[in-house]
Amino acid sequence: KKGYVLTANELQYEVESRQATVPGRFKITGPKLD
């Protein structure tokens, strides 16, 4: 909701621990930082 965008080739999410992992390259862009 803050305007940040994550891009990657793969993302894994564990429902129990509520943890997301990007094992490879990623990019986050947003209004305040990249």
PDB file of all heavy atoms in Angstrom:
ATOM      1  N   LYS A   1       0.812  -1.229   0.000  1.00  0.00           N
ATOM      2  CA  LYS A   1       0.000   0.000   0.000  1.00  0.00           C
ATOM      3  C   LYS A   1       0.844   1.276   0.000  1.00  0.00           C
ATOM      4  O   LYS A   1       0.337   2.348  -0.301  1.00  0.00           O
ATOM      5  CB  LYS A   1      -0.945  -0.008   1.201  1.00  0.00           C
ATOM      6  CG  LYS A   1      -0.231   0.072   2.538  1.00  0.00           C
ATOM      7  CD  LYS A   1      -1.190   0.090   3.685  1.00  0.00           C
ATOM      8  CE  LYS A   1      -0.414   0.220   4.984  1.00  0.00           C
ATOM      9  NZ  LYS A   1      -1.266   0.304   6.119  1.00  0.00           N
ATOM     10  N   LYS A   2       2.125   1.166   0.332  1.00  0.00           N
ATOM     11  CA  LYS A   2       2.988   2.346   0.362  1.00  0.00           C
ATOM     12  C   LYS A   2       3.599   2.670  -0.994  1.00  0.00           C
ATOM     13  O   LYS A   2       4.332   3.633  -1.124  1.00  0.00           O
ATOM     14  CB  LYS A   2       4.101   2.130   1.394  1.00  0.00           C
ATOM     15  CG  LYS A   2       3.574   2.008   2.812  1.00  0.00           C
ATOM     16  CD  LYS A   2       4.694   1.707   3.781  1.00  0.00           C
ATOM     17  CE  LYS A   2       4.144   1.488   5.177  1.00  0.00           C
ATOM     18  NZ  LYS A   2       5.191   1.050   6.104  1.00  0.00           N
ATOM     19  N   GLY A   3       3.334   1.862  -1.998  1.00  0.00           N
ATOM     20  CA  GLY A   3       3.826   2.134  -3.341  1.00  0.00           C
ATOM     21  C   GLY A   3       5.110   1.422  -3.710  1.00  0.00           C
ATOM     22  O   GLY A   3       5.723   1.736  -4.735  1.00  0.00           O
ATOM     23  N   TYR A   4       5.540   0.456  -2.913  1.00  0.00           N
ATOM     24  CA  TYR A   4       6.747  -0.294  -3.228  1.00  0.00           C
ATOM     25  C   TYR A   4       6.394  -1.509  -4.080  1.00  0.00           C
ATOM     26  O   TYR A   4       5.378  -2.169  -3.855  1.00  0.00           O
ATOM     27  CB  TYR A   4       7.460  -0.732  -1.944  1.00  0.00           C
ATOM     28  CG  TYR A   4       8.116   0.432  -1.244  1.00  0.00           C
ATOM     29  CD1 TYR A   4       7.423   1.151  -0.280  1.00  0.00           C
ATOM     30  CD2 TYR A   4       9.398   0.837  -1.591  1.00  0.00           C
ATOM     31  CE1 TYR A   4       8.007   2.246   0.345  1.00  0.00           C
ATOM     32  CE2 TYR A   4       9.986   1.931  -0.971  1.00  0.00           C
ATOM     33  CZ  TYR A   4       9.286   2.625  -0.006  1.00  0.00           C
ATOM     34  OH  TYR A   4       9.858   3.708   0.600  1.00  0.00           O
ATOM     35  N   VAL A   5       7.259  -1.803  -5.052  1.00  0.00           N
ATOM     36  CA  VAL A   5       7.033  -2.914  -5.970  1.00  0.00           C
ATOM     37  C   VAL A   5       8.245  -3.839  -5.931  1.00  0.00           C
ATOM     38  O   VAL A   5       9.385  -3.387  -6.098  1.00  0.00           O
ATOM     39  CB  VAL A   5       6.803  -2.413  -7.423  1.00  0.00           C
ATOM     40  CG1 VAL A   5       6.613  -3.568  -8.371  1.00  0.00           C
ATOM     41  CG2 VAL A   5       5.614  -1.468  -7.477  1.00  0.00           C
ATOM     42  N   LEU A   6       7.985  -5.121  -5.719  1.00  0.00           N
ATOM     43  CA  LEU A   6       9.023  -6.159  -5.719  1.00  0.00           C
ATOM     44  C   LEU A   6       8.923  -6.930  -7.022  1.00  0.00           C
ATOM     45  O   LEU A   6       7.819  -7.327  -7.423  1.00  0.00           O
ATOM     46  CB  LEU A   6       8.806  -7.118  -4.545  1.00  0.00           C
ATOM     47  CG  LEU A   6       9.563  -8.444  -4.601  1.00  0.00           C
ATOM     48  CD1 LEU A   6      11.035  -8.232  -4.298  1.00  0.00           C
ATOM     49  CD2 LEU A   6       8.962  -9.457  -3.656  1.00  0.00           C
ATOM     50  N   THR A   7      10.056  -7.138  -7.689  1.00  0.00           N
ATOM     51  CA  THR A   7      10.087  -7.991  -8.869  1.00  0.00           C
ATOM     52  C   THR A   7      11.167  -9.051  -8.678  1.00  0.00           C
ATOM     53  O   THR A   7      12.244  -8.767  -8.125  1.00  0.00           O
ATOM     54  CB  THR A   7      10.358  -7.200 -10.165  1.00  0.00           C
ATOM     55  OG1 THR A   7      11.554  -6.449 -10.008  1.00  0.00           O
ATOM     56  CG2 THR A   7       9.214  -6.278 -10.505  1.00  0.00           C
ATOM     57  N   ALA A   8      10.869 -10.271  -9.115  1.00  0.00           N
ATOM     58  CA  ALA A   8      11.793 -11.399  -8.991  1.00  0.00           C
ATOM     59  C   ALA A   8      11.331 -12.503  -9.936  1.00  0.00           C
ATOM     60  O   ALA A   8      10.245 -12.424 -10.522  1.00  0.00           O
ATOM     61  CB  ALA A   8      11.829 -11.905  -7.552  1.00  0.00           C
ATOM     62  N   ASN A   9      12.139 -13.537 -10.069  1.00  0.00           N
ATOM     63  CA  ASN A   9      11.753 -14.698 -10.871  1.00  0.00           C
ATOM     64  C   ASN A   9      11.056 -15.764 -10.031  1.00  0.00           C
ATOM     65  O   ASN A   9      10.313 -16.586 -10.567  1.00  0.00           O
ATOM     66  CB  ASN A   9      12.971 -15.322 -11.556  1.00  0.00           C
ATOM     67  CG  ASN A   9      13.482 -14.460 -12.677  1.00  0.00           C
ATOM     68  OD1 ASN A   9      12.704 -13.818 -13.371  1.00  0.00           O
ATOM     69  ND2 ASN A   9      14.791 -14.424 -12.851  1.00  0.00           N
ATOM     70  N   GLU A  10      11.309 -15.757  -8.723  1.00  0.00           N
ATOM     71  CA  GLU A  10      10.728 -16.770  -7.845  1.00  0.00           C
ATOM     72  C   GLU A  10      10.534 -16.204  -6.442  1.00  0.00           C
ATOM     73  O   GLU A  10      11.342 -15.393  -5.977  1.00  0.00           O
ATOM     74  CB  GLU A  10      11.654 -17.995  -7.769  1.00  0.00           C
ATOM     75  CG  GLU A  10      11.154 -19.101  -6.885  1.00  0.00           C
ATOM     76  CD  GLU A  10      12.091 -20.296  -6.840  1.00  0.00           C
ATOM     77  OE1 GLU A  10      12.944 -20.440  -7.735  1.00  0.00           O
ATOM     78  OE2 GLU A  10      11.959 -21.094  -5.897  1.00  0.00           O
ATOM     79  N   LEU A  11       9.463 -16.634  -5.796  1.00  0.00           N
ATOM     80  CA  LEU A  11       9.192 -16.266  -4.410  1.00  0.00           C
ATOM     81  C   LEU A  11       8.560 -17.471  -3.732  1.00  0.00           C
ATOM     82  O   LEU A  11       7.685 -18.122  -4.306  1.00  0.00           O
ATOM     83  CB  LEU A  11       8.242 -15.071  -4.335  1.00  0.00           C
ATOM     84  CG  LEU A  11       7.945 -14.545  -2.932  1.00  0.00           C
ATOM     85  CD1 LEU A  11       7.925 -13.025  -2.944  1.00  0.00           C
ATOM     86  CD2 LEU A  11       6.623 -15.053  -2.414  1.00  0.00           C
ATOM     87  N   GLN A  12       9.028 -17.779  -2.532  1.00  0.00           N
ATOM     88  CA  GLN A  12       8.461 -18.887  -1.765  1.00  0.00           C
ATOM     89  C   GLN A  12       7.833 -18.325  -0.500  1.00  0.00           C
ATOM     90  O   GLN A  12       8.399 -17.419   0.117  1.00  0.00           O
ATOM     91  CB  GLN A  12       9.554 -19.898  -1.416  1.00  0.00           C
ATOM     92  CG  GLN A  12      10.203 -20.486  -2.640  1.00  0.00           C
ATOM     93  CD  GLN A  12      11.482 -21.239  -2.317  1.00  0.00           C
ATOM     94  OE1 GLN A  12      11.846 -21.435  -1.168  1.00  0.00           O
ATOM     95  NE2 GLN A  12      12.181 -21.666  -3.355  1.00  0.00           N
ATOM     96  N   TYR A  13       6.673 -18.884  -0.126  1.00  0.00           N
ATOM     97  CA  TYR A  13       5.963 -18.407   1.056  1.00  0.00           C
ATOM     98  C   TYR A  13       5.598 -19.593   1.931  1.00  0.00           C
ATOM     99  O   TYR A  13       5.027 -20.569   1.461  1.00  0.00           O
ATOM    100  CB  TYR A  13       4.698 -17.646   0.656  1.00  0.00           C
ATOM    101  CG  TYR A  13       3.919 -17.097   1.833  1.00  0.00           C
ATOM    102  CD1 TYR A  13       4.409 -16.038   2.578  1.00  0.00           C
ATOM    103  CD2 TYR A  13       2.696 -17.638   2.193  1.00  0.00           C
ATOM    104  CE1 TYR A  13       3.705 -15.521   3.656  1.00  0.00           C
ATOM    105  CE2 TYR A  13       1.975 -17.135   3.271  1.00  0.00           C
ATOM    106  CZ  TYR A  13       2.485 -16.080   3.998  1.00  0.00           C
ATOM    107  OH  TYR A  13       1.781 -15.583   5.059  1.00  0.00           O
ATOM    108  N   GLU A  14       5.969 -19.496   3.219  1.00  0.00           N
ATOM    109  CA  GLU A  14       5.617 -20.519   4.197  1.00  0.00           C
ATOM    110  C   GLU A  14       4.446 -20.013   5.020  1.00  0.00           C
ATOM    111  O   GLU A  14       4.569 -19.009   5.727  1.00  0.00           O
ATOM    112  CB  GLU A  14       6.808 -20.835   5.084  1.00  0.00           C
ATOM    113  CG  GLU A  14       7.951 -21.487   4.328  1.00  0.00           C
ATOM    114  CD  GLU A  14       9.094 -21.893   5.241  1.00  0.00           C
ATOM    115  OE1 GLU A  14       8.851 -22.154   6.443  1.00  0.00           O
ATOM    116  OE2 GLU A  14      10.222 -21.941   4.742  1.00  0.00           O
ATOM    117  N   VAL A  15       3.317 -20.706   4.909  1.00  0.00           N
ATOM    118  CA  VAL A  15       2.078 -20.271   5.550  1.00  0.00           C
ATOM    119  C   VAL A  15       2.219 -20.259   7.071  1.00  0.00           C
ATOM    120  O   VAL A  15       1.808 -19.300   7.731  1.00  0.00           O
ATOM    121  CB  VAL A  15       0.897 -21.173   5.118  1.00  0.00           C
ATOM    122  CG1 VAL A  15      -0.362 -20.822   5.865  1.00  0.00           C
ATOM    123  CG2 VAL A  15       0.686 -21.064   3.611  1.00  0.00           C
ATOM    124  N   GLU A  16       2.804 -21.305   7.647  1.00  0.00           N
ATOM    125  CA  GLU A  16       2.904 -21.428   9.114  1.00  0.00           C
ATOM    126  C   GLU A  16       3.715 -20.291   9.729  1.00  0.00           C
ATOM    127  O   GLU A  16       3.297 -19.683  10.699  1.00  0.00           O
ATOM    128  CB  GLU A  16       3.525 -22.774   9.491  1.00  0.00           C
ATOM    129  CG  GLU A  16       2.759 -23.973   8.973  1.00  0.00           C
ATOM    130  CD  GLU A  16       1.582 -24.340   9.838  1.00  0.00           C
ATOM    131  OE1 GLU A  16       1.666 -24.188  11.063  1.00  0.00           O
ATOM    132  OE2 GLU A  16       0.574 -24.785   9.268  1.00  0.00           O
ATOM    133  N   SER A  17       4.894 -20.004   9.178  1.00  0.00           N
ATOM    134  CA  SER A  17       5.774 -18.976   9.757  1.00  0.00           C
ATOM    135  C   SER A  17       5.501 -17.587   9.178  1.00  0.00           C
ATOM    136  O   SER A  17       6.072 -16.614   9.661  1.00  0.00           O
ATOM    137  CB  SER A  17       7.234 -19.344   9.501  1.00  0.00           C
ATOM    138  OG  SER A  17       7.513 -19.328   8.114  1.00  0.00           O
ATOM    139  N   ARG A  18       4.656 -17.522   8.146  1.00  0.00           N
ATOM    140  CA  ARG A  18       4.355 -16.263   7.452  1.00  0.00           C
ATOM    141  C   ARG A  18       5.650 -15.566   7.028  1.00  0.00           C
ATOM    142  O   ARG A  18       5.882 -14.400   7.299  1.00  0.00           O
ATOM    143  CB  ARG A  18       3.485 -15.361   8.314  1.00  0.00           C
ATOM    144  CG  ARG A  18       2.126 -15.979   8.599  1.00  0.00           C
ATOM    145  CD  ARG A  18       1.249 -15.093   9.423  1.00  0.00           C
ATOM    146  NE  ARG A  18       0.985 -13.830   8.769  1.00  0.00           N
ATOM    147  CZ  ARG A  18      -0.169 -13.483   8.214  1.00  0.00           C
ATOM    148  NH1 ARG A  18      -1.174 -14.309   8.241  1.00  0.00           N
ATOM    149  NH2 ARG A  18      -0.322 -12.317   7.645  1.00  0.00           N
ATOM    150  N   GLN A  19       6.481 -16.350   6.336  1.00  0.00           N
ATOM    151  CA  GLN A  19       7.771 -15.862   5.886  1.00  0.00           C
ATOM    152  C   GLN A  19       7.883 -16.055   4.370  1.00  0.00           C
ATOM    153  O   GLN A  19       7.616 -17.130   3.858  1.00  0.00           O
ATOM    154  CB  GLN A  19       8.873 -16.657   6.591  1.00  0.00           C
ATOM    155  CG  GLN A  19      10.263 -16.244   6.237  1.00  0.00           C
ATOM    156  CD  GLN A  19      11.278 -16.998   7.074  1.00  0.00           C
ATOM    157  OE1 GLN A  19      11.148 -17.089   8.296  1.00  0.00           O
ATOM    158  NE2 GLN A  19      12.277 -17.555   6.425  1.00  0.00           N
ATOM    159  N   ALA A  20       8.286 -14.992   3.667  1.00  0.00           N
ATOM    160  CA  ALA A  20       8.485 -15.054   2.225  1.00  0.00           C
ATOM    161  C   ALA A  20       9.980 -15.002   1.936  1.00  0.00           C
ATOM    162  O   ALA A  20      10.717 -14.252   2.581  1.00  0.00           O
ATOM    163  CB  ALA A  20       7.775 -13.893   1.539  1.00  0.00           C
ATOM    164  N   THR A  21      10.411 -15.797   0.952  1.00  0.00           N
ATOM    165  CA  THR A  21      11.816 -15.854   0.588  1.00  0.00           C
ATOM    166  C   THR A  21      11.954 -15.725  -0.921  1.00  0.00           C
ATOM    167  O   THR A  21      11.238 -16.386  -1.666  1.00  0.00           O
ATOM    168  CB  THR A  21      12.442 -17.201   1.032  1.00  0.00           C
ATOM    169  OG1 THR A  21      12.223 -17.381   2.425  1.00  0.00           O
ATOM    170  CG2 THR A  21      13.923 -17.241   0.739  1.00  0.00           C
ATOM    171  N   VAL A  22      12.880 -14.863  -1.333  1.00  0.00           N
ATOM    172  CA  VAL A  22      13.261 -14.768  -2.739  1.00  0.00           C
ATOM    173  C   VAL A  22      14.662 -15.359  -2.823  1.00  0.00           C
ATOM    174  O   VAL A  22      15.606 -14.755  -2.316  1.00  0.00           O
ATOM    175  CB  VAL A  22      13.245 -13.303  -3.240  1.00  0.00           C
ATOM    176  CG1 VAL A  22      13.737 -13.223  -4.672  1.00  0.00           C
ATOM    177  CG2 VAL A  22      11.861 -12.696  -3.096  1.00  0.00           C
ATOM    178  N   PRO A  23      14.810 -16.552  -3.437  1.00  0.00           N
ATOM    179  CA  PRO A  23      16.126 -17.191  -3.444  1.00  0.00           C
ATOM    180  C   PRO A  23      17.114 -16.584  -4.434  1.00  0.00           C
ATOM    181  O   PRO A  23      18.316 -16.737  -4.269  1.00  0.00           O
ATOM    182  CB  PRO A  23      15.808 -18.637  -3.832  1.00  0.00           C
ATOM    183  CG  PRO A  23      14.525 -18.580  -4.558  1.00  0.00           C
ATOM    184  CD  PRO A  23      13.775 -17.403  -4.013  1.00  0.00           C
ATOM    185  N   GLY A  24      16.655 -15.887  -5.438  1.00  0.00           N
ATOM    186  CA  GLY A  24      17.545 -15.334  -6.458  1.00  0.00           C
ATOM    187  C   GLY A  24      17.577 -13.813  -6.434  1.00  0.00           C
ATOM    188  O   GLY A  24      17.337 -13.175  -5.406  1.00  0.00           O
ATOM    189  N   ARG A  25      17.850 -13.235  -7.582  1.00  0.00           N
ATOM    190  CA  ARG A  25      17.902 -11.782  -7.722  1.00  0.00           C
ATOM    191  C   ARG A  25      16.523 -11.173  -7.526  1.00  0.00           C
ATOM    192  O   ARG A  25      15.520 -11.764  -7.901  1.00  0.00           O
ATOM    193  CB  ARG A  25      18.416 -11.402  -9.098  1.00  0.00           C
ATOM    194  CG  ARG A  25      19.844 -11.766  -9.316  1.00  0.00           C
ATOM    195  CD  ARG A  25      20.608 -10.564  -9.904  1.00  0.00           C
ATOM    196  NE  ARG A  25      22.025 -10.772  -9.709  1.00  0.00           N
ATOM    197  CZ  ARG A  25      22.726 -10.244  -8.707  1.00  0.00           C
ATOM    198  NH1 ARG A  25      22.147  -9.466  -7.843  1.00  0.00           N
ATOM    199  NH2 ARG A  25      24.004 -10.473  -8.585  1.00  0.00           N
ATOM    200  N   PHE A  26      16.502  -9.981  -6.950  1.00  0.00           N
ATOM    201  CA  PHE A  26      15.250  -9.255  -6.740  1.00  0.00           C
ATOM    202  C   PHE A  26      15.505  -7.766  -6.888  1.00  0.00           C
ATOM    203  O   PHE A  26      16.650  -7.299  -6.844  1.00  0.00           O
ATOM    204  CB  PHE A  26      14.662  -9.543  -5.347  1.00  0.00           C
ATOM    205  CG  PHE A  26      15.453  -8.911  -4.240  1.00  0.00           C
ATOM    206  CD1 PHE A  26      15.139  -7.635  -3.791  1.00  0.00           C
ATOM    207  CD2 PHE A  26      16.523  -9.571  -3.660  1.00  0.00           C
ATOM    208  CE1 PHE A  26      15.888  -7.031  -2.787  1.00  0.00           C
ATOM    209  CE2 PHE A  26      17.264  -8.980  -2.658  1.00  0.00           C
ATOM    210  CZ  PHE A  26      16.950  -7.707  -2.214  1.00  0.00           C
ATOM    211  N   LYS A  27      14.408  -7.039  -7.045  1.00  0.00           N
ATOM    212  CA  LYS A  27      14.479  -5.585  -7.116  1.00  0.00           C
ATOM    213  C   LYS A  27      13.241  -5.042  -6.423  1.00  0.00           C
ATOM    214  O   LYS A  27      12.126  -5.510  -6.666  1.00  0.00           O
ATOM    215  CB  LYS A  27      14.516  -5.118  -8.567  1.00  0.00           C
ATOM    216  CG  LYS A  27      14.633  -3.621  -8.733  1.00  0.00           C
ATOM    217  CD  LYS A  27      14.751  -3.254 -10.202  1.00  0.00           C
ATOM    218  CE  LYS A  27      14.954  -1.761 -10.356  1.00  0.00           C
ATOM    219  NZ  LYS A  27      15.099  -1.399 -11.778  1.00  0.00           N
ATOM    220  N   ILE A  28      13.444  -4.061  -5.553  1.00  0.00           N
ATOM    221  CA  ILE A  28      12.345  -3.356  -4.907  1.00  0.00           C
ATOM    222  C   ILE A  28      12.477  -1.888  -5.285  1.00  0.00           C
ATOM    223  O   ILE A  28      13.533  -1.283  -5.075  1.00  0.00           O
ATOM    224  CB  ILE A  28      12.376  -3.512  -3.374  1.00  0.00           C
ATOM    225  CG1 ILE A  28      12.195  -4.972  -2.985  1.00  0.00           C
ATOM    226  CG2 ILE A  28      11.301  -2.644  -2.725  1.00  0.00           C
ATOM    227  CD1 ILE A  28      12.346  -5.261  -1.497  1.00  0.00           C
ATOM    228  N   THR A  29      11.416  -1.338  -5.854  1.00  0.00           N
ATOM    229  CA  THR A  29      11.411   0.084  -6.198  1.00  0.00           C
ATOM    230  C   THR A  29      10.245   0.741  -5.482  1.00  0.00           C
ATOM    231  O   THR A  29       9.207   0.113  -5.267  1.00  0.00           O
ATOM    232  CB  THR A  29      11.264   0.300  -7.725  1.00  0.00           C
ATOM    233  OG1 THR A  29      10.052  -0.298  -8.164  1.00  0.00           O
ATOM    234  CG2 THR A  29      12.427  -0.288  -8.481  1.00  0.00           C
ATOM    235  N   GLY A  30      10.449   1.975  -5.098  1.00  0.00           N
ATOM    236  CA  GLY A  30       9.393   2.684  -4.393  1.00  0.00           C
ATOM    237  C   GLY A  30       9.602   4.171  -4.412  1.00  0.00           C
ATOM    238  O   GLY A  30      10.569   4.675  -4.982  1.00  0.00           O
ATOM    239  N   PRO A  31       8.713   4.878  -3.740  1.00  0.00           N
ATOM    240  CA  PRO A  31       8.786   6.339  -3.751  1.00  0.00           C
ATOM    241  C   PRO A  31      10.008   6.896  -3.022  1.00  0.00           C
ATOM    242  O   PRO A  31      10.489   7.971  -3.363  1.00  0.00           O
ATOM    243  CB  PRO A  31       7.490   6.771  -3.073  1.00  0.00           C
ATOM    244  CG  PRO A  31       6.988   5.582  -2.346  1.00  0.00           C
ATOM    245  CD  PRO A  31       7.557   4.383  -3.020  1.00  0.00           C
ATOM    246  N   LYS A  32      10.544   6.181  -2.034  1.00  0.00           N
ATOM    247  CA  LYS A  32      11.643   6.714  -1.221  1.00  0.00           C
ATOM    248  C   LYS A  32      12.979   6.027  -1.477  1.00  0.00           C
ATOM    249  O   LYS A  32      14.025   6.576  -1.166  1.00  0.00           O
ATOM    250  CB  LYS A  32      11.318   6.572   0.270  1.00  0.00           C
ATOM    251  CG  LYS A  32      10.009   7.175   0.675  1.00  0.00           C
ATOM    252  CD  LYS A  32      10.121   8.635   0.920  1.00  0.00           C
ATOM    253  CE  LYS A  32       8.784   9.168   1.398  1.00  0.00           C
ATOM    254  NZ  LYS A  32       8.827  10.562   1.679  1.00  0.00           N
ATOM    255  N   LEU A  33      12.948   4.774  -2.008  1.00  0.00           N
ATOM    256  CA  LEU A  33      14.200   4.052  -2.200  1.00  0.00           C
ATOM    257  C   LEU A  33      14.056   2.961  -3.249  1.00  0.00           C
ATOM    258  O   LEU A  33      12.953   2.517  -3.554  1.00  0.00           O
ATOM    259  CB  LEU A  33      14.697   3.438  -0.880  1.00  0.00           C
ATOM    260  CG  LEU A  33      13.802   2.407  -0.179  1.00  0.00           C
ATOM    261  CD1 LEU A  33      14.077   1.014  -0.665  1.00  0.00           C
ATOM    262  CD2 LEU A  33      14.051   2.488   1.318  1.00  0.00           C
ATOM    263  N   ASP A  34      15.213   2.542  -3.793  1.00  0.00           N
ATOM    264  CA  ASP A  34      15.310   1.368  -4.655  1.00  0.00           C
ATOM    265  C   ASP A  34      16.311   0.427  -3.998  1.00  0.00           C
ATOM    266  O   ASP A  34      17.339   0.870  -3.468  1.00  0.00           O
ATOM    267  CB  ASP A  34      15.812   1.749  -6.053  1.00  0.00           C
ATOM    268  CG  ASP A  34      14.793   2.533  -6.862  1.00  0.00           C
ATOM    269  OD1 ASP A  34      13.614   2.581  -6.458  1.00  0.00           O
ATOM    270  OD2 ASP A  34      15.178   3.091  -7.904  1.00  0.00           O
TER     271      ASP A  34
END
